[in-house]
Amino acid sequence: MLTRGAKHLRARATGTYCIPIGIVRKSYGIAIGEETVGNKADVWQGTLALMVLKTLETMGPLHGYGIARRIEQTSGDLLSLNYGTLYPALLKLEQEGYIKSSWGASENNRRAKYYELTKAGRTQVKKEAADWEQTTAILARFLSPAEEG
């Protein structure tokens, strides 16, 4: 029998995105609800890429730490990013051609890798945003069902 962590690693290795919510929630940040630590919620699978792309679309080129801080700030500090999740997501987005990176100096004059959207990334952020808007509209129908007459 596999532990939750082992199931998650097996799912990641096989490339599947159908990971049970409980595992996703525990693997991508800090759990929600009764398991919340410090009142910070998880970044759910599938939302991190969109948040990264939207952040870069809004802010322009940023280094990884800046992306993480901006996502946390935009969430009203309700999200907490795990860097073990953020950097692989950045690498995946770069491999898919949605972002590109280059080395530069940070505000502290330290060497940092900066990420920016590509043309394909600008197209992808619009597509993903539309997909999430449709998904949340569908969920809203279930959460607030209209009275049937």
Protein backbone atom coordinates (compact mmCIF):
# COMPACT_ATOMS: atom_id res chain seq x y z
CA MET A 1 0.00 0.00 0.00
CA LEU A 2 1.41 3.38 -0.99
CA THR A 3 1.46 6.32 1.38
CA ARG A 4 -0.09 9.60 0.28
CA GLY A 5 3.34 10.98 -0.55
CA ALA A 6 4.29 7.88 -2.54
CA LYS A 7 1.01 8.07 -4.49
CA HIS A 8 1.74 11.72 -5.26
CA LEU A 9 5.27 10.92 -6.46
CA ARG A 10 3.98 8.05 -8.59
CA ALA A 11 1.34 10.35 -10.08
CA ARG A 12 3.96 13.00 -10.83
CA ALA A 13 6.29 10.45 -12.40
CA THR A 14 3.57 9.17 -14.71
CA GLY A 15 2.60 12.69 -15.75
CA THR A 16 -0.99 12.39 -14.60
CA TYR A 17 -2.77 15.43 -13.28
CA CYS A 18 -5.56 13.42 -11.64
CA ILE A 19 -4.27 13.53 -8.10
CA PRO A 20 -6.77 13.33 -5.25
CA ILE A 21 -7.50 16.77 -3.81
CA GLY A 22 -6.34 15.80 -0.32
CA ILE A 23 -2.92 14.89 -1.67
CA VAL A 24 -2.72 17.98 -3.86
CA ARG A 25 -3.68 20.19 -0.96
CA LYS A 26 -1.02 18.70 1.28
CA SER A 27 1.64 18.63 -1.41
CA TYR A 28 1.36 22.16 -2.76
CA GLY A 29 1.43 24.35 0.30
CA ILE A 30 -0.36 24.31 3.60
CA ALA A 31 -3.68 22.54 4.06
CA ILE A 32 -7.05 24.29 4.07
CA GLY A 33 -9.77 24.18 6.71
CA GLU A 34 -9.14 22.27 9.92
CA GLU A 35 -5.60 21.51 8.79
CA THR A 36 -4.76 25.14 8.04
CA VAL A 37 -1.48 26.32 9.48
CA GLY A 38 -1.06 30.05 9.94
CA ASN A 39 -4.31 30.70 8.01
CA LYS A 40 -2.53 30.12 4.69
CA ALA A 41 -4.27 28.09 2.00
CA ASP A 42 -2.87 25.77 -0.63
CA VAL A 43 -2.10 26.57 -4.21
CA TRP A 44 -4.06 23.84 -6.00
CA GLN A 45 -2.71 21.90 -8.95
CA GLY A 46 -3.46 23.73 -12.17
CA THR A 47 -3.78 27.14 -10.57
CA LEU A 48 -0.09 27.81 -9.98
CA ALA A 49 0.77 28.02 -13.69
CA LEU A 50 -2.04 30.50 -14.25
CA MET A 51 -1.00 32.60 -11.25
CA VAL A 52 2.62 32.67 -12.47
CA LEU A 53 1.58 33.62 -16.01
CA LYS A 54 -0.84 36.33 -14.79
CA THR A 55 1.80 37.70 -12.41
CA LEU A 56 4.34 37.99 -15.22
CA GLU A 57 1.70 39.49 -17.52
CA THR A 58 0.87 42.14 -14.92
CA MET A 59 4.29 42.85 -13.42
CA GLY A 60 6.68 42.13 -16.28
CA PRO A 61 9.94 40.21 -15.73
CA LEU A 62 10.48 38.97 -12.15
CA HIS A 63 12.78 36.54 -10.39
CA GLY A 64 11.33 33.49 -8.63
CA TYR A 65 11.29 35.08 -5.17
CA GLY A 66 9.50 38.12 -6.59
CA ILE A 67 6.91 35.92 -8.30
CA ALA A 68 6.26 34.03 -5.06
CA ARG A 69 5.95 37.21 -3.00
CA ARG A 70 3.60 38.81 -5.55
CA ILE A 71 1.33 35.75 -5.66
CA GLU A 72 1.20 35.70 -1.86
CA GLN A 73 0.55 39.47 -1.77
CA THR A 74 -2.17 39.29 -4.43
CA SER A 75 -3.91 36.55 -2.44
CA GLY A 76 -4.04 38.85 0.58
CA ASP A 77 -1.44 36.59 2.20
CA LEU A 78 -3.90 33.68 2.19
CA LEU A 79 -1.62 31.58 -0.03
CA SER A 80 1.82 30.36 0.86
CA LEU A 81 4.07 29.07 -1.91
CA ASN A 82 6.46 26.21 -1.41
CA TYR A 83 9.63 26.88 -3.40
CA GLY A 84 9.89 23.16 -4.10
CA THR A 85 6.69 23.64 -6.09
CA LEU A 86 7.35 27.05 -7.64
CA TYR A 87 10.70 26.38 -9.28
CA PRO A 88 9.66 23.12 -10.99
CA ALA A 89 6.55 24.96 -12.24
CA LEU A 90 8.76 27.73 -13.65
CA LEU A 91 10.99 25.14 -15.33
CA LYS A 92 7.94 23.39 -16.83
CA LEU A 93 6.51 26.67 -18.13
CA GLU A 94 9.88 27.49 -19.67
CA GLN A 95 10.15 24.05 -21.29
CA GLU A 96 6.64 24.52 -22.72
CA GLY A 97 7.75 27.84 -24.23
CA TYR A 98 5.38 30.04 -22.20
CA ILE A 99 8.13 31.89 -20.35
CA LYS A 100 11.81 32.53 -20.92
CA SER A 101 14.55 33.26 -18.42
CA SER A 102 17.72 35.28 -18.25
CA TRP A 103 20.20 36.07 -15.52
CA GLY A 104 20.35 39.52 -14.00
CA ALA A 105 20.97 41.39 -10.76
CA SER A 106 18.30 41.49 -8.06
CA GLU A 107 17.39 44.47 -5.88
CA ASN A 108 20.10 43.25 -3.45
CA ASN A 109 22.61 43.20 -6.32
CA ARG A 110 22.66 39.40 -6.22
CA ARG A 111 22.60 37.20 -9.27
CA ALA A 112 19.01 36.10 -9.97
CA LYS A 113 17.16 34.33 -12.75
CA TYR A 114 14.42 36.54 -14.19
CA TYR A 115 11.39 35.12 -15.96
CA GLU A 116 9.19 36.81 -18.56
CA LEU A 117 6.28 35.83 -20.78
CA THR A 118 6.82 34.79 -24.36
CA LYS A 119 4.31 35.37 -27.16
CA ALA A 120 3.04 31.81 -26.61
CA GLY A 121 2.76 32.60 -22.90
CA ARG A 122 0.56 35.62 -23.58
CA THR A 123 -1.76 33.41 -25.63
CA GLN A 124 -1.72 30.66 -22.98
CA VAL A 125 -2.57 33.01 -20.10
CA LYS A 126 -5.69 34.14 -21.96
CA LYS A 127 -6.71 30.54 -22.66
CA GLU A 128 -6.11 29.35 -19.10
CA ALA A 129 -7.91 32.36 -17.61
CA ALA A 130 -10.95 31.66 -19.80
CA ASP A 131 -10.88 27.97 -18.79
CA TRP A 132 -10.79 28.86 -15.08
CA GLU A 133 -13.56 31.42 -15.46
CA GLN A 134 -15.72 28.75 -17.07
CA THR A 135 -14.83 26.23 -14.34
CA THR A 136 -15.65 28.64 -11.52
CA ALA A 137 -18.94 29.58 -13.21
CA ILE A 138 -19.89 25.90 -13.33
CA LEU A 139 -18.93 25.40 -9.68
CA ALA A 140 -20.91 28.50 -8.71
CA ARG A 141 -24.02 26.80 -10.12
CA PHE A 142 -23.52 23.94 -7.69
CA LEU A 143 -22.66 26.12 -4.71
CA SER A 144 -25.63 28.43 -5.23
CA PRO A 145 -28.23 26.44 -7.15
CA ALA A 146 -31.09 28.48 -8.58
CA GLU A 147 -34.56 27.70 -7.36
CA GLU A 148 -36.30 25.41 -9.82
CA GLY A 149 -39.79 26.58 -10.68
